[in-house]
Amino acid sequence: MNQFYQYIILKTIGFRRKKTKLHSEQFEKEIKNAKVEFFHLIRDSFFILLGILSASFGLNGFLLPNMFIDGGAMGISLIIAELTEIPLSILIVVVNLPFLIVGFSTISSRFALKSIIAIILLAVSVHFIPFPIITDDKLLIAVFGGFFLGLGIGLAIRGGSVIDGTEVLAVFVSRKTSLTIGDVIMIFNIIIFGVAAYAFTMEIALYAMLTYLVASRTVDFVVSGIEEYLGVTIISDKNKEIRLAIIQKLGRGCTIYSGKRGQSLEQTDIIYTLITRLELSKLQTEIDKIDKNAFIIMHSIKDAKGGMIKKRPLK
């Protein structure tokens, strides 16, 4: 390919060209990486947009018209909206903003930027899309309002962002204290439900707890537990490149096991690393850039302490 066209394409995908002449293998690698990044961006964007629509439907179709609240940052926004005349769309952004600022250092700048965009889109959706009021039955409101809100939060997490900043705060606090992520979320929501019982009625607070339980179980169903870590085992012929990507691109540590392939009995290195679910999208992107046929095994881990998982933010 003509060097001039190579230059234009690589400038478009953000590649900083070195002074030395670009080899065709390097060029092909950059094009491949750009395609992987683009595919994952489209996939993540689809999950986030679907999550925003689901959360908006849960809020406008169930919770808001009936003065129901939820836990987390969304619960704080709903309480303030009921006690004041401030629109919920504004409160969603304002309440979540401090959590997302923490997310810049706790998770990554890319994650925080995607979350800010997602929350702004959620606020716009809540304000402008007129979803119909589905029911006035309190039990149905609590159950299905929590379901659609939890579905939206879970889909946004699958897309590598959040539309409720509570999880970001929980990750940050857990790294600074001996509390687990689940402990932080529980304490945070106990405070919110206590305020709801004082500001409104005990009945509203009880329904809020039910809404939160349904929402949290739905999130668990969609992403298999936001408060859990993932143990990831990777088997690939390009294990050296994947190991360097985990260390350099994700800022995470890993362990190398020596193993043998079942059929050929060839020696191979097996990579094991530990990440949070918020980092899963980034890990999959980096692995796909190197080896789309890599064999990956993931399993949930309730909590972990020490090591690079707690000390270094994702870059």
C-alpha atoms as a PDB file:
ATOM      1  CA  MET A   1       0.000   0.000   0.000  1.00  0.00           C
ATOM      2  CA  ASN A   2       1.154   3.548  -0.777  1.00  0.00           C
ATOM      3  CA  GLN A   3       2.887   5.146   2.228  1.00  0.00           C
ATOM      4  CA  PHE A   4       0.734   8.273   1.912  1.00  0.00           C
ATOM      5  CA  TYR A   5      -2.497   6.241   2.285  1.00  0.00           C
ATOM      6  CA  GLN A   6      -0.985   4.353   5.200  1.00  0.00           C
ATOM      7  CA  TYR A   7      -0.253   7.659   6.868  1.00  0.00           C
ATOM      8  CA  ILE A   8      -3.839   8.922   6.398  1.00  0.00           C
ATOM      9  CA  ILE A   9      -5.407   5.705   7.728  1.00  0.00           C
ATOM     10  CA  LEU A  10      -3.155   5.500  10.759  1.00  0.00           C
ATOM     11  CA  LYS A  11      -3.762   9.149  11.582  1.00  0.00           C
ATOM     12  CA  THR A  12      -7.483   8.412  11.447  1.00  0.00           C
ATOM     13  CA  ILE A  13      -7.210   5.571  13.970  1.00  0.00           C
ATOM     14  CA  GLY A  14      -4.947   7.563  16.266  1.00  0.00           C
ATOM     15  CA  PHE A  15      -1.661   5.785  15.598  1.00  0.00           C
ATOM     16  CA  ARG A  16       1.406   7.894  16.346  1.00  0.00           C
ATOM     17  CA  ARG A  17       3.823   7.139  13.570  1.00  0.00           C
ATOM     18  CA  LYS A  18       7.446   6.674  14.498  1.00  0.00           C
ATOM     19  CA  LYS A  19      10.353   8.171  12.626  1.00  0.00           C
ATOM     20  CA  THR A  20      11.289   4.766  11.195  1.00  0.00           C
ATOM     21  CA  LYS A  21       9.526   3.415   8.153  1.00  0.00           C
ATOM     22  CA  LEU A  22       6.285   1.597   8.914  1.00  0.00           C
ATOM     23  CA  HIS A  23       6.456  -2.137   8.107  1.00  0.00           C
ATOM     24  CA  SER A  24       3.478  -3.832   6.487  1.00  0.00           C
ATOM     25  CA  GLU A  25       3.062  -6.182   9.494  1.00  0.00           C
ATOM     26  CA  GLN A  26       2.837  -3.227  11.870  1.00  0.00           C
ATOM     27  CA  PHE A  27       0.329  -1.561   9.593  1.00  0.00           C
ATOM     28  CA  GLU A  28      -1.844  -4.679   9.364  1.00  0.00           C
ATOM     29  CA  LYS A  29      -1.703  -5.065  13.145  1.00  0.00           C
ATOM     30  CA  GLU A  30      -2.887  -1.488  13.667  1.00  0.00           C
ATOM     31  CA  ILE A  31      -5.729  -1.978  11.184  1.00  0.00           C
ATOM     32  CA  LYS A  32      -6.734  -5.208  12.951  1.00  0.00           C
ATOM     33  CA  ASN A  33      -6.638  -3.492  16.357  1.00  0.00           C
ATOM     34  CA  ALA A  34      -8.727  -0.617  15.025  1.00  0.00           C
ATOM     35  CA  LYS A  35     -11.360  -3.060  13.724  1.00  0.00           C
ATOM     36  CA  VAL A  36     -11.509  -4.829  17.100  1.00  0.00           C
ATOM     37  CA  GLU A  37     -11.827  -1.500  18.949  1.00  0.00           C
ATOM     38  CA  PHE A  38     -14.593  -0.398  16.578  1.00  0.00           C
ATOM     39  CA  PHE A  39     -16.518  -3.677  16.927  1.00  0.00           C
ATOM     40  CA  HIS A  40     -16.344  -3.553  20.720  1.00  0.00           C
ATOM     41  CA  LEU A  41     -17.354   0.122  20.724  1.00  0.00           C
ATOM     42  CA  ILE A  42     -20.467  -0.690  18.661  1.00  0.00           C
ATOM     43  CA  ARG A  43     -21.315  -3.648  20.906  1.00  0.00           C
ATOM     44  CA  ASP A  44     -20.801  -1.654  24.127  1.00  0.00           C
ATOM     45  CA  SER A  45     -22.821   1.272  22.748  1.00  0.00           C
ATOM     46  CA  PHE A  46     -25.715  -1.077  21.936  1.00  0.00           C
ATOM     47  CA  PHE A  47     -25.756  -2.463  25.488  1.00  0.00           C
ATOM     48  CA  ILE A  48     -25.573   1.033  27.006  1.00  0.00           C
ATOM     49  CA  LEU A  49     -28.386   2.454  24.829  1.00  0.00           C
ATOM     50  CA  LEU A  50     -30.589  -0.562  25.542  1.00  0.00           C
ATOM     51  CA  GLY A  51     -29.853  -0.154  29.252  1.00  0.00           C
ATOM     52  CA  ILE A  52     -30.769   3.529  29.160  1.00  0.00           C
ATOM     53  CA  LEU A  53     -34.128   2.791  27.515  1.00  0.00           C
ATOM     54  CA  SER A  54     -34.887   0.032  30.037  1.00  0.00           C
ATOM     55  CA  ALA A  55     -33.990   2.219  33.047  1.00  0.00           C
ATOM     56  CA  SER A  56     -36.014   5.137  31.646  1.00  0.00           C
ATOM     57  CA  PHE A  57     -39.024   2.856  31.209  1.00  0.00           C
ATOM     58  CA  GLY A  58     -38.704   1.608  34.790  1.00  0.00           C
ATOM     59  CA  LEU A  59     -38.499   5.166  36.119  1.00  0.00           C
ATOM     60  CA  ASN A  60     -41.172   6.900  33.991  1.00  0.00           C
ATOM     61  CA  GLY A  61     -43.508   3.935  33.579  1.00  0.00           C
ATOM     62  CA  PHE A  62     -43.478   2.694  37.192  1.00  0.00           C
ATOM     63  CA  LEU A  63     -41.477   4.481  39.895  1.00  0.00           C
ATOM     64  CA  LEU A  64     -41.753   8.239  39.279  1.00  0.00           C
ATOM     65  CA  PRO A  65     -45.546   8.571  38.787  1.00  0.00           C
ATOM     66  CA  ASN A  66     -46.160   6.655  42.027  1.00  0.00           C
ATOM     67  CA  MET A  67     -43.491   8.298  44.259  1.00  0.00           C
ATOM     68  CA  PHE A  68     -41.487   5.079  44.555  1.00  0.00           C
ATOM     69  CA  ILE A  69     -37.741   5.146  45.169  1.00  0.00           C
ATOM     70  CA  ASP A  70     -34.790   2.802  44.768  1.00  0.00           C
ATOM     71  CA  GLY A  71     -31.406   2.390  46.434  1.00  0.00           C
ATOM     72  CA  GLY A  72     -28.043   3.773  45.365  1.00  0.00           C
ATOM     73  CA  ALA A  73     -27.409   7.086  43.649  1.00  0.00           C
ATOM     74  CA  MET A  74     -30.700   6.716  41.796  1.00  0.00           C
ATOM     75  CA  GLY A  75     -32.473   6.453  45.164  1.00  0.00           C
ATOM     76  CA  ILE A  76     -30.858   9.702  46.332  1.00  0.00           C
ATOM     77  CA  SER A  77     -31.977  11.405  43.104  1.00  0.00           C
ATOM     78  CA  LEU A  78     -35.554  10.152  43.515  1.00  0.00           C
ATOM     79  CA  ILE A  79     -35.744  11.273  47.166  1.00  0.00           C
ATOM     80  CA  ILE A  80     -34.495  14.786  46.360  1.00  0.00           C
ATOM     81  CA  ALA A  81     -36.858  14.997  43.365  1.00  0.00           C
ATOM     82  CA  GLU A  82     -39.833  14.134  45.595  1.00  0.00           C
ATOM     83  CA  LEU A  83     -38.829  16.611  48.321  1.00  0.00           C
ATOM     84  CA  THR A  84     -37.975  19.490  45.975  1.00  0.00           C
ATOM     85  CA  GLU A  85     -39.073  20.814  42.615  1.00  0.00           C
ATOM     86  CA  ILE A  86     -35.762  19.970  40.947  1.00  0.00           C
ATOM     87  CA  PRO A  87     -36.304  17.768  37.848  1.00  0.00           C
ATOM     88  CA  LEU A  88     -35.044  14.209  38.159  1.00  0.00           C
ATOM     89  CA  SER A  89     -33.150  14.524  34.881  1.00  0.00           C
ATOM     90  CA  ILE A  90     -30.903  17.201  36.428  1.00  0.00           C
ATOM     91  CA  LEU A  91     -30.491  15.308  39.704  1.00  0.00           C
ATOM     92  CA  ILE A  92     -29.405  12.108  37.920  1.00  0.00           C
ATOM     93  CA  VAL A  93     -26.390  13.958  36.514  1.00  0.00           C
ATOM     94  CA  VAL A  94     -25.591  16.052  39.605  1.00  0.00           C
ATOM     95  CA  VAL A  95     -25.801  13.187  42.129  1.00  0.00           C
ATOM     96  CA  ASN A  96     -23.760  10.777  40.001  1.00  0.00           C
ATOM     97  CA  LEU A  97     -21.054  13.277  39.035  1.00  0.00           C
ATOM     98  CA  PRO A  98     -18.984  12.966  42.276  1.00  0.00           C
ATOM     99  CA  PHE A  99     -18.987   9.174  41.953  1.00  0.00           C
ATOM    100  CA  LEU A 100     -17.775   9.369  38.364  1.00  0.00           C
ATOM    101  CA  ILE A 101     -14.985  11.775  39.299  1.00  0.00           C
ATOM    102  CA  VAL A 102     -13.820   9.086  41.733  1.00  0.00           C
ATOM    103  CA  GLY A 103     -14.139   6.602  38.871  1.00  0.00           C
ATOM    104  CA  PHE A 104     -11.426   8.398  36.875  1.00  0.00           C
ATOM    105  CA  SER A 105      -8.802   7.207  39.358  1.00  0.00           C
ATOM    106  CA  THR A 106     -10.535   4.085  40.691  1.00  0.00           C
ATOM    107  CA  ILE A 107     -11.411   2.349  37.410  1.00  0.00           C
ATOM    108  CA  SER A 108     -10.196   4.291  34.347  1.00  0.00           C
ATOM    109  CA  SER A 109     -10.710   7.555  32.498  1.00  0.00           C
ATOM    110  CA  ARG A 110     -12.306   5.702  29.586  1.00  0.00           C
ATOM    111  CA  PHE A 111     -14.788   3.999  31.907  1.00  0.00           C
ATOM    112  CA  ALA A 112     -15.646   7.308  33.598  1.00  0.00           C
ATOM    113  CA  LEU A 113     -16.117   9.068  30.255  1.00  0.00           C
ATOM    114  CA  LYS A 114     -18.447   6.338  28.958  1.00  0.00           C
ATOM    115  CA  SER A 115     -20.393   6.491  32.239  1.00  0.00           C
ATOM    116  CA  ILE A 116     -20.768  10.276  32.065  1.00  0.00           C
ATOM    117  CA  ILE A 117     -22.140  10.022  28.524  1.00  0.00           C
ATOM    118  CA  ALA A 118     -24.483   7.185  29.576  1.00  0.00           C
ATOM    119  CA  ILE A 119     -25.829   9.144  32.557  1.00  0.00           C
ATOM    120  CA  ILE A 120     -26.391  12.265  30.469  1.00  0.00           C
ATOM    121  CA  LEU A 121     -28.278  10.186  27.890  1.00  0.00           C
ATOM    122  CA  LEU A 122     -30.342   8.634  30.705  1.00  0.00           C
ATOM    123  CA  ALA A 123     -31.228  12.113  31.996  1.00  0.00           C
ATOM    124  CA  VAL A 124     -32.263  13.204  28.480  1.00  0.00           C
ATOM    125  CA  SER A 125     -34.317  10.032  28.027  1.00  0.00           C
ATOM    126  CA  VAL A 126     -36.114  10.457  31.371  1.00  0.00           C
ATOM    127  CA  HIS A 127     -36.904  14.092  30.576  1.00  0.00           C
ATOM    128  CA  PHE A 128     -38.036  13.823  26.959  1.00  0.00           C
ATOM    129  CA  ILE A 129     -39.401  10.304  26.299  1.00  0.00           C
ATOM    130  CA  PRO A 130     -43.058  10.048  27.455  1.00  0.00           C
ATOM    131  CA  PHE A 131     -43.369   6.428  28.586  1.00  0.00           C
ATOM    132  CA  PRO A 132     -46.958   5.432  29.491  1.00  0.00           C
ATOM    133  CA  ILE A 133     -47.892   4.742  33.122  1.00  0.00           C
ATOM    134  CA  ILE A 134     -48.321   0.967  33.267  1.00  0.00           C
ATOM    135  CA  THR A 135     -50.101   0.291  36.585  1.00  0.00           C
ATOM    136  CA  ASP A 136     -51.061   1.773  39.942  1.00  0.00           C
ATOM    137  CA  ASP A 137     -50.730  -1.510  41.860  1.00  0.00           C
ATOM    138  CA  LYS A 138     -48.002  -0.921  44.447  1.00  0.00           C
ATOM    139  CA  LEU A 139     -46.618  -4.452  44.391  1.00  0.00           C
ATOM    140  CA  LEU A 140     -46.380  -4.484  40.596  1.00  0.00           C
ATOM    141  CA  ILE A 141     -44.753  -1.049  40.644  1.00  0.00           C
ATOM    142  CA  ALA A 142     -42.086  -2.177  43.123  1.00  0.00           C
ATOM    143  CA  VAL A 143     -41.371  -5.464  41.330  1.00  0.00           C
ATOM    144  CA  PHE A 144     -41.406  -4.376  37.689  1.00  0.00           C
ATOM    145  CA  GLY A 145     -40.038  -0.890  38.334  1.00  0.00           C
ATOM    146  CA  GLY A 146     -37.086  -2.530  40.071  1.00  0.00           C
ATOM    147  CA  PHE A 147     -36.792  -5.133  37.310  1.00  0.00           C
ATOM    148  CA  PHE A 148     -36.544  -2.663  34.420  1.00  0.00           C
ATOM    149  CA  LEU A 149     -34.268  -0.338  36.375  1.00  0.00           C
ATOM    150  CA  GLY A 150     -31.990  -3.247  37.333  1.00  0.00           C
ATOM    151  CA  LEU A 151     -32.031  -4.522  33.751  1.00  0.00           C
ATOM    152  CA  GLY A 152     -30.898  -1.091  32.569  1.00  0.00           C
ATOM    153  CA  ILE A 153     -28.099  -0.888  35.120  1.00  0.00           C
ATOM    154  CA  GLY A 154     -26.939  -4.416  34.251  1.00  0.00           C
ATOM    155  CA  LEU A 155     -26.902  -3.784  30.503  1.00  0.00           C
ATOM    156  CA  ALA A 156     -24.931  -0.566  31.019  1.00  0.00           C
ATOM    157  CA  ILE A 157     -22.344  -2.499  33.038  1.00  0.00           C
ATOM    158  CA  ARG A 158     -22.147  -5.083  30.230  1.00  0.00           C
ATOM    159  CA  GLY A 159     -21.312  -2.141  27.991  1.00  0.00           C
ATOM    160  CA  GLY A 160     -18.444  -1.046  30.233  1.00  0.00           C
ATOM    161  CA  SER A 161     -20.148   1.849  32.033  1.00  0.00           C
ATOM    162  CA  VAL A 162     -22.567   2.566  34.884  1.00  0.00           C
ATOM    163  CA  ILE A 163     -25.741   4.641  35.151  1.00  0.00           C
ATOM    164  CA  ASP A 164     -25.667   4.476  38.949  1.00  0.00           C
ATOM    165  CA  GLY A 165     -22.420   5.550  40.617  1.00  0.00           C
ATOM    166  CA  THR A 166     -22.853   3.520  43.816  1.00  0.00           C
ATOM    167  CA  GLU A 167     -20.721   0.662  42.483  1.00  0.00           C
ATOM    168  CA  VAL A 168     -17.845   3.054  41.746  1.00  0.00           C
ATOM    169  CA  LEU A 169     -17.972   4.409  45.306  1.00  0.00           C
ATOM    170  CA  ALA A 170     -18.053   0.847  46.663  1.00  0.00           C
ATOM    171  CA  VAL A 171     -14.951  -0.149  44.655  1.00  0.00           C
ATOM    172  CA  PHE A 172     -13.129   2.981  45.860  1.00  0.00           C
ATOM    173  CA  VAL A 173     -14.015   2.503  49.555  1.00  0.00           C
ATOM    174  CA  SER A 174     -13.208  -1.227  49.476  1.00  0.00           C
ATOM    175  CA  ARG A 175      -9.690  -0.436  48.261  1.00  0.00           C
ATOM    176  CA  LYS A 176      -9.155   2.003  51.108  1.00  0.00           C
ATOM    177  CA  THR A 177     -10.717  -0.037  53.921  1.00  0.00           C
ATOM    178  CA  SER A 178     -11.256  -3.642  54.993  1.00  0.00           C
ATOM    179  CA  LEU A 179     -14.898  -3.530  53.838  1.00  0.00           C
ATOM    180  CA  THR A 180     -15.968  -5.577  50.842  1.00  0.00           C
ATOM    181  CA  ILE A 181     -17.823  -3.997  47.902  1.00  0.00           C
ATOM    182  CA  GLY A 182     -21.031  -5.708  49.038  1.00  0.00           C
ATOM    183  CA  ASP A 183     -20.643  -4.276  52.560  1.00  0.00           C
ATOM    184  CA  VAL A 184     -20.278  -0.723  51.235  1.00  0.00           C
ATOM    185  CA  ILE A 185     -23.346  -0.998  49.003  1.00  0.00           C
ATOM    186  CA  MET A 186     -25.405  -2.446  51.869  1.00  0.00           C
ATOM    187  CA  ILE A 187     -24.402   0.334  54.326  1.00  0.00           C
ATOM    188  CA  PHE A 188     -25.046   3.005  51.677  1.00  0.00           C
ATOM    189  CA  ASN A 189     -28.552   1.695  51.008  1.00  0.00           C
ATOM    190  CA  ILE A 190     -29.446   1.272  54.686  1.00  0.00           C
ATOM    191  CA  ILE A 191     -28.818   5.022  55.069  1.00  0.00           C
ATOM    192  CA  ILE A 192     -30.983   5.798  52.018  1.00  0.00           C
ATOM    193  CA  PHE A 193     -33.887   3.644  53.233  1.00  0.00           C
ATOM    194  CA  GLY A 194     -33.629   5.215  56.688  1.00  0.00           C
ATOM    195  CA  VAL A 195     -33.921   8.679  55.148  1.00  0.00           C
ATOM    196  CA  ALA A 196     -36.905   7.513  53.063  1.00  0.00           C
ATOM    197  CA  ALA A 197     -38.672   6.193  56.176  1.00  0.00           C
ATOM    198  CA  TYR A 198     -38.091   9.519  57.967  1.00  0.00           C
ATOM    199  CA  ALA A 199     -38.935  11.827  55.028  1.00  0.00           C
ATOM    200  CA  PHE A 200     -41.949   9.882  53.733  1.00  0.00           C
ATOM    201  CA  THR A 201     -43.523   6.860  55.424  1.00  0.00           C
ATOM    202  CA  MET A 202     -42.365   3.453  56.560  1.00  0.00           C
ATOM    203  CA  GLU A 203     -44.557   1.895  53.863  1.00  0.00           C
ATOM    204  CA  ILE A 204     -42.714   3.787  51.122  1.00  0.00           C
ATOM    205  CA  ALA A 205     -39.381   2.756  52.640  1.00  0.00           C
ATOM    206  CA  LEU A 206     -40.476  -0.908  52.677  1.00  0.00           C
ATOM    207  CA  TYR A 207     -41.550  -0.763  49.044  1.00  0.00           C
ATOM    208  CA  ALA A 208     -38.228   0.943  48.271  1.00  0.00           C
ATOM    209  CA  MET A 209     -36.409  -2.024  49.808  1.00  0.00           C
ATOM    210  CA  LEU A 210     -38.436  -4.395  47.652  1.00  0.00           C
ATOM    211  CA  THR A 211     -37.664  -2.328  44.557  1.00  0.00           C
ATOM    212  CA  TYR A 212     -33.961  -2.376  45.408  1.00  0.00           C
ATOM    213  CA  LEU A 213     -33.926  -6.146  46.020  1.00  0.00           C
ATOM    214  CA  VAL A 214     -35.583  -6.816  42.658  1.00  0.00           C
ATOM    215  CA  ALA A 215     -33.242  -4.381  40.893  1.00  0.00           C
ATOM    216  CA  SER A 216     -30.118  -5.845  42.500  1.00  0.00           C
ATOM    217  CA  ARG A 217     -31.148  -9.435  41.682  1.00  0.00           C
ATOM    218  CA  THR A 218     -31.801  -8.388  38.086  1.00  0.00           C
ATOM    219  CA  VAL A 219     -28.353  -6.809  37.875  1.00  0.00           C
ATOM    220  CA  ASP A 220     -26.896 -10.050  39.237  1.00  0.00           C
ATOM    221  CA  PHE A 221     -28.765 -11.988  36.576  1.00  0.00           C
ATOM    222  CA  VAL A 222     -27.478  -9.762  33.763  1.00  0.00           C
ATOM    223  CA  VAL A 223     -23.833  -9.481  34.829  1.00  0.00           C
ATOM    224  CA  SER A 224     -23.555 -12.318  37.395  1.00  0.00           C
ATOM    225  CA  GLY A 225     -22.819 -10.052  40.348  1.00  0.00           C
ATOM    226  CA  ILE A 226     -21.289  -6.580  40.264  1.00  0.00           C
ATOM    227  CA  GLU A 227     -19.689  -7.084  43.669  1.00  0.00           C
ATOM    228  CA  GLU A 228     -17.773 -10.178  42.551  1.00  0.00           C
ATOM    229  CA  TYR A 229     -14.354 -10.463  40.963  1.00  0.00           C
ATOM    230  CA  LEU A 230     -13.633 -12.633  37.971  1.00  0.00           C
ATOM    231  CA  GLY A 231     -10.884 -15.210  37.859  1.00  0.00           C
ATOM    232  CA  VAL A 232      -9.862 -15.505  34.199  1.00  0.00           C
ATOM    233  CA  THR A 233      -7.821 -18.403  32.774  1.00  0.00           C
ATOM    234  CA  ILE A 234      -6.435 -17.869  29.256  1.00  0.00           C
ATOM    235  CA  ILE A 235      -4.874 -20.533  27.037  1.00  0.00           C
ATOM    236  CA  SER A 236      -3.326 -19.248  23.813  1.00  0.00           C
ATOM    237  CA  ASP A 237      -0.310 -19.758  21.554  1.00  0.00           C
ATOM    238  CA  LYS A 238       0.279 -16.010  21.943  1.00  0.00           C
ATOM    239  CA  ASN A 239       0.412 -16.134  25.733  1.00  0.00           C
ATOM    240  CA  LYS A 240       3.447 -13.850  25.960  1.00  0.00           C
ATOM    241  CA  GLU A 241       1.672 -11.017  24.132  1.00  0.00           C
ATOM    242  CA  ILE A 242      -1.489 -11.499  26.197  1.00  0.00           C
ATOM    243  CA  ARG A 243       0.548 -11.481  29.424  1.00  0.00           C
ATOM    244  CA  LEU A 244       2.169  -8.167  28.458  1.00  0.00           C
ATOM    245  CA  ALA A 245      -1.220  -6.694  27.493  1.00  0.00           C
ATOM    246  CA  ILE A 246      -2.693  -7.596  30.901  1.00  0.00           C
ATOM    247  CA  ILE A 247       0.252  -5.983  32.689  1.00  0.00           C
ATOM    248  CA  GLN A 248       0.757  -2.936  30.459  1.00  0.00           C
ATOM    249  CA  LYS A 249      -2.726  -2.159  29.091  1.00  0.00           C
ATOM    250  CA  LEU A 250      -4.876  -3.182  32.055  1.00  0.00           C
ATOM    251  CA  GLY A 251      -2.391  -2.542  34.853  1.00  0.00           C
ATOM    252  CA  ARG A 252      -3.150  -5.939  36.396  1.00  0.00           C
ATOM    253  CA  GLY A 253      -0.956  -8.756  37.619  1.00  0.00           C
ATOM    254  CA  CYS A 254      -1.149 -12.327  36.386  1.00  0.00           C
ATOM    255  CA  THR A 255       0.176 -15.782  37.211  1.00  0.00           C
ATOM    256  CA  ILE A 256       1.673 -18.181  34.656  1.00  0.00           C
ATOM    257  CA  TYR A 257       1.066 -21.924  34.969  1.00  0.00           C
ATOM    258  CA  SER A 258       2.950 -24.550  32.991  1.00  0.00           C
ATOM    259  CA  GLY A 259       0.635 -27.077  31.392  1.00  0.00           C
ATOM    260  CA  LYS A 260       0.260 -29.596  28.589  1.00  0.00           C
ATOM    261  CA  ARG A 261      -2.276 -29.771  25.807  1.00  0.00           C
ATOM    262  CA  GLY A 262      -4.578 -32.775  26.079  1.00  0.00           C
ATOM    263  CA  GLN A 263      -4.127 -34.138  22.560  1.00  0.00           C
ATOM    264  CA  SER A 264      -0.557 -33.273  21.597  1.00  0.00           C
ATOM    265  CA  LEU A 265       0.920 -33.101  25.132  1.00  0.00           C
ATOM    266  CA  GLU A 266       2.784 -29.984  24.027  1.00  0.00           C
ATOM    267  CA  GLN A 267       4.023 -27.706  26.793  1.00  0.00           C
ATOM    268  CA  THR A 268       2.128 -24.404  27.036  1.00  0.00           C
ATOM    269  CA  ASP A 269       1.910 -21.474  29.426  1.00  0.00           C
ATOM    270  CA  ILE A 270      -1.498 -20.851  31.000  1.00  0.00           C
ATOM    271  CA  ILE A 271      -2.310 -17.302  32.140  1.00  0.00           C
ATOM    272  CA  TYR A 272      -4.455 -16.620  35.200  1.00  0.00           C
ATOM    273  CA  THR A 273      -5.521 -13.117  36.197  1.00  0.00           C
ATOM    274  CA  LEU A 274      -8.065 -11.460  38.485  1.00  0.00           C
ATOM    275  CA  ILE A 275     -10.219  -8.517  37.392  1.00  0.00           C
ATOM    276  CA  THR A 276     -13.455  -6.774  38.339  1.00  0.00           C
ATOM    277  CA  ARG A 277     -16.489  -7.118  36.095  1.00  0.00           C
ATOM    278  CA  LEU A 278     -16.166  -3.462  35.136  1.00  0.00           C
ATOM    279  CA  GLU A 279     -12.817  -4.355  33.549  1.00  0.00           C
ATOM    280  CA  LEU A 280     -14.056  -7.414  31.640  1.00  0.00           C
ATOM    281  CA  SER A 281     -14.936  -5.512  28.458  1.00  0.00           C
ATOM    282  CA  LYS A 282     -11.430  -4.033  28.248  1.00  0.00           C
ATOM    283  CA  LEU A 283      -9.771  -7.426  28.823  1.00  0.00           C
ATOM    284  CA  GLN A 284     -11.834  -9.080  26.084  1.00  0.00           C
ATOM    285  CA  THR A 285     -10.935  -6.283  23.683  1.00  0.00           C
ATOM    286  CA  GLU A 286      -7.198  -6.663  24.336  1.00  0.00           C
ATOM    287  CA  ILE A 287      -7.338 -10.460  23.970  1.00  0.00           C
ATOM    288  CA  ASP A 288      -9.276 -10.211  20.694  1.00  0.00           C
ATOM    289  CA  LYS A 289      -6.609  -7.892  19.315  1.00  0.00           C
ATOM    290  CA  ILE A 290      -3.974 -10.578  19.895  1.00  0.00           C
ATOM    291  CA  ASP A 291      -5.792 -13.904  19.477  1.00  0.00           C
ATOM    292  CA  LYS A 292      -9.514 -14.164  18.712  1.00  0.00           C
ATOM    293  CA  ASN A 293      -9.317 -17.954  19.122  1.00  0.00           C
ATOM    294  CA  ALA A 294      -7.870 -17.840  22.646  1.00  0.00           C
ATOM    295  CA  PHE A 295      -9.544 -20.271  25.065  1.00  0.00           C
ATOM    296  CA  ILE A 296     -10.895 -18.278  28.009  1.00  0.00           C
ATOM    297  CA  ILE A 297     -12.431 -19.609  31.223  1.00  0.00           C
ATOM    298  CA  MET A 298     -14.116 -17.193  33.654  1.00  0.00           C
ATOM    299  CA  HIS A 299     -15.452 -17.868  37.125  1.00  0.00           C
ATOM    300  CA  SER A 300     -16.815 -15.655  39.878  1.00  0.00           C
ATOM    301  CA  ILE A 301     -14.853 -14.860  43.020  1.00  0.00           C
ATOM    302  CA  LYS A 302     -16.698 -13.263  45.919  1.00  0.00           C
ATOM    303  CA  ASP A 303     -13.874 -10.964  46.997  1.00  0.00           C
ATOM    304  CA  ALA A 304     -10.110 -10.561  46.894  1.00  0.00           C
ATOM    305  CA  LYS A 305      -7.516  -8.625  48.852  1.00  0.00           C
ATOM    306  CA  GLY A 306      -3.954  -7.518  48.159  1.00  0.00           C
ATOM    307  CA  GLY A 307      -1.950  -7.675  44.968  1.00  0.00           C
ATOM    308  CA  MET A 308      -2.320  -5.399  41.958  1.00  0.00           C
ATOM    309  CA  ILE A 309      -6.112  -5.811  41.937  1.00  0.00           C
ATOM    310  CA  LYS A 310      -6.331  -3.393  44.884  1.00  0.00           C
ATOM    311  CA  LYS A 311      -3.353  -1.153  44.281  1.00  0.00           C
ATOM    312  CA  ARG A 312      -3.293  -0.038  40.668  1.00  0.00           C
ATOM    313  CA  PRO A 313      -6.091   1.621  38.685  1.00  0.00           C
ATOM    314  CA  LEU A 314      -6.974   0.436  35.213  1.00  0.00           C
ATOM    315  CA  LYS A 315      -5.212   2.567  32.589  1.00  0.00           C
END
